[in-house]
C-alpha atoms as a PDB file:
ATOM      1  CA  MET A   1     -33.547  -0.523  13.579  1.00  0.00           C
ATOM      2  CA  ALA A   2     -32.443  -3.067  14.061  1.00  0.00           C
ATOM      3  CA  ILE A   3     -28.864  -4.119  11.170  1.00  0.00           C
ATOM      4  CA  SER A   4     -29.894  -7.431  11.552  1.00  0.00           C
ATOM      5  CA  ASP A   5     -33.264  -5.858  10.194  1.00  0.00           C
ATOM      6  CA  MET A   6     -31.979  -4.626   6.767  1.00  0.00           C
ATOM      7  CA  ARG A   7     -30.260  -8.355   5.928  1.00  0.00           C
ATOM      8  CA  ARG A   8     -31.623  -9.540   2.224  1.00  0.00           C
ATOM      9  CA  GLN A   9     -31.832 -12.830   2.106  1.00  0.00           C
ATOM     10  CA  TYR A  10     -29.549 -14.239  -0.732  1.00  0.00           C
ATOM     11  CA  SER A  11     -31.228 -17.512  -1.658  1.00  0.00           C
ATOM     12  CA  LYS A  12     -30.892 -16.717  -5.568  1.00  0.00           C
ATOM     13  CA  GLY A  13     -28.763 -18.754  -6.402  1.00  0.00           C
ATOM     14  CA  SER A  14     -25.485 -21.486  -4.767  1.00  0.00           C
ATOM     15  CA  LEU A  15     -22.085 -23.715  -5.372  1.00  0.00           C
ATOM     16  CA  SER A  16     -22.780 -26.833  -5.616  1.00  0.00           C
ATOM     17  CA  GLU A  17     -19.660 -29.354  -5.841  1.00  0.00           C
ATOM     18  CA  SER A  18     -21.511 -31.465  -8.613  1.00  0.00           C
ATOM     19  CA  ASP A  19     -21.884 -27.402 -10.736  1.00  0.00           C
ATOM     20  CA  ILE A  20     -18.336 -27.313 -10.016  1.00  0.00           C
ATOM     21  CA  THR A  21     -15.685 -28.005 -13.842  1.00  0.00           C
ATOM     22  CA  SER A  22     -12.600 -28.889 -13.663  1.00  0.00           C
ATOM     23  CA  SER A  23     -10.915 -25.912 -14.543  1.00  0.00           C
ATOM     24  CA  PRO A  24     -11.134 -22.859 -13.094  1.00  0.00           C
ATOM     25  CA  PHE A  25     -11.418 -20.861 -16.072  1.00  0.00           C
ATOM     26  CA  ILE A  26     -14.592 -22.743 -17.446  1.00  0.00           C
ATOM     27  CA  MET A  27     -16.221 -21.514 -13.850  1.00  0.00           C
ATOM     28  CA  PHE A  28     -15.478 -17.587 -14.055  1.00  0.00           C
ATOM     29  CA  ASP A  29     -16.539 -17.851 -18.325  1.00  0.00           C
ATOM     30  CA  LYS A  30     -19.472 -19.108 -16.749  1.00  0.00           C
ATOM     31  CA  TRP A  31     -19.969 -16.726 -14.117  1.00  0.00           C
ATOM     32  CA  LEU A  32     -18.852 -13.884 -15.691  1.00  0.00           C
ATOM     33  CA  LYS A  33     -21.536 -14.657 -19.055  1.00  0.00           C
ATOM     34  CA  ASP A  34     -24.325 -15.407 -15.847  1.00  0.00           C
ATOM     35  CA  ALA A  35     -23.560 -11.839 -14.577  1.00  0.00           C
ATOM     36  CA  ILE A  36     -23.896  -9.772 -17.668  1.00  0.00           C
ATOM     37  CA  ASP A  37     -27.130 -12.402 -19.076  1.00  0.00           C
ATOM     38  CA  ALA A  38     -28.745 -11.187 -15.583  1.00  0.00           C
ATOM     39  CA  GLY A  39     -27.663  -7.004 -16.276  1.00  0.00           C
ATOM     40  CA  ILE A  40     -25.321  -6.639 -13.095  1.00  0.00           C
ATOM     41  CA  PRO A  41     -24.039  -3.339 -13.334  1.00  0.00           C
ATOM     42  CA  ASP A  42     -20.289  -3.838 -13.913  1.00  0.00           C
ATOM     43  CA  PRO A  43     -19.936  -7.370 -14.042  1.00  0.00           C
ATOM     44  CA  THR A  44     -16.262  -7.066 -14.462  1.00  0.00           C
ATOM     45  CA  ALA A  45     -15.535  -5.389 -11.743  1.00  0.00           C
ATOM     46  CA  MET A  46     -14.088  -7.320  -8.615  1.00  0.00           C
ATOM     47  CA  THR A  47     -12.028  -6.857  -5.558  1.00  0.00           C
ATOM     48  CA  VAL A  48      -7.965  -8.378  -5.652  1.00  0.00           C
ATOM     49  CA  ALA A  49      -6.764  -8.113  -2.250  1.00  0.00           C
ATOM     50  CA  THR A  50      -2.885  -8.823  -0.898  1.00  0.00           C
ATOM     51  CA  VAL A  51      -0.234  -9.022   2.067  1.00  0.00           C
ATOM     52  CA  ASP A  52       2.508  -6.962   1.678  1.00  0.00           C
ATOM     53  CA  ALA A  53       6.058  -9.019   3.939  1.00  0.00           C
ATOM     54  CA  SER A  54       5.038  -7.896   6.974  1.00  0.00           C
ATOM     55  CA  GLY A  55       1.097  -9.561   6.162  1.00  0.00           C
ATOM     56  CA  GLN A  56      -0.482  -6.279   5.810  1.00  0.00           C
ATOM     57  CA  PRO A  57      -4.042  -6.755   3.825  1.00  0.00           C
ATOM     58  CA  SER A  58      -4.296  -4.180   1.700  1.00  0.00           C
ATOM     59  CA  GLN A  59      -7.176  -4.716  -1.168  1.00  0.00           C
ATOM     60  CA  ARG A  60      -8.809  -2.471  -4.558  1.00  0.00           C
ATOM     61  CA  ILE A  61     -11.129  -3.208  -6.582  1.00  0.00           C
ATOM     62  CA  VAL A  62     -10.656  -3.171 -10.394  1.00  0.00           C
ATOM     63  CA  LEU A  63     -12.187  -3.316 -13.897  1.00  0.00           C
ATOM     64  CA  LEU A  64     -11.281  -6.996 -15.621  1.00  0.00           C
ATOM     65  CA  LYS A  65     -10.099  -6.286 -19.317  1.00  0.00           C
ATOM     66  CA  ASP A  66      -9.523  -9.014 -20.493  1.00  0.00           C
ATOM     67  CA  VAL A  67      -9.445 -12.977 -19.751  1.00  0.00           C
END
């Protein structure tokens, strides 16, 4: 089986410019509420990615503790 045959179509939602609010905090609150309401496992899990002084990237999974 080809890897391309295993892909899912992600057609449940989209983000258009008309959906964006002027505040990223309001957008985040909406996205978090939507994830909780949808029953998504670990809706507060997220990836934090950084780079060091030499440009080496690093990432880790964290759980949001507070907003």
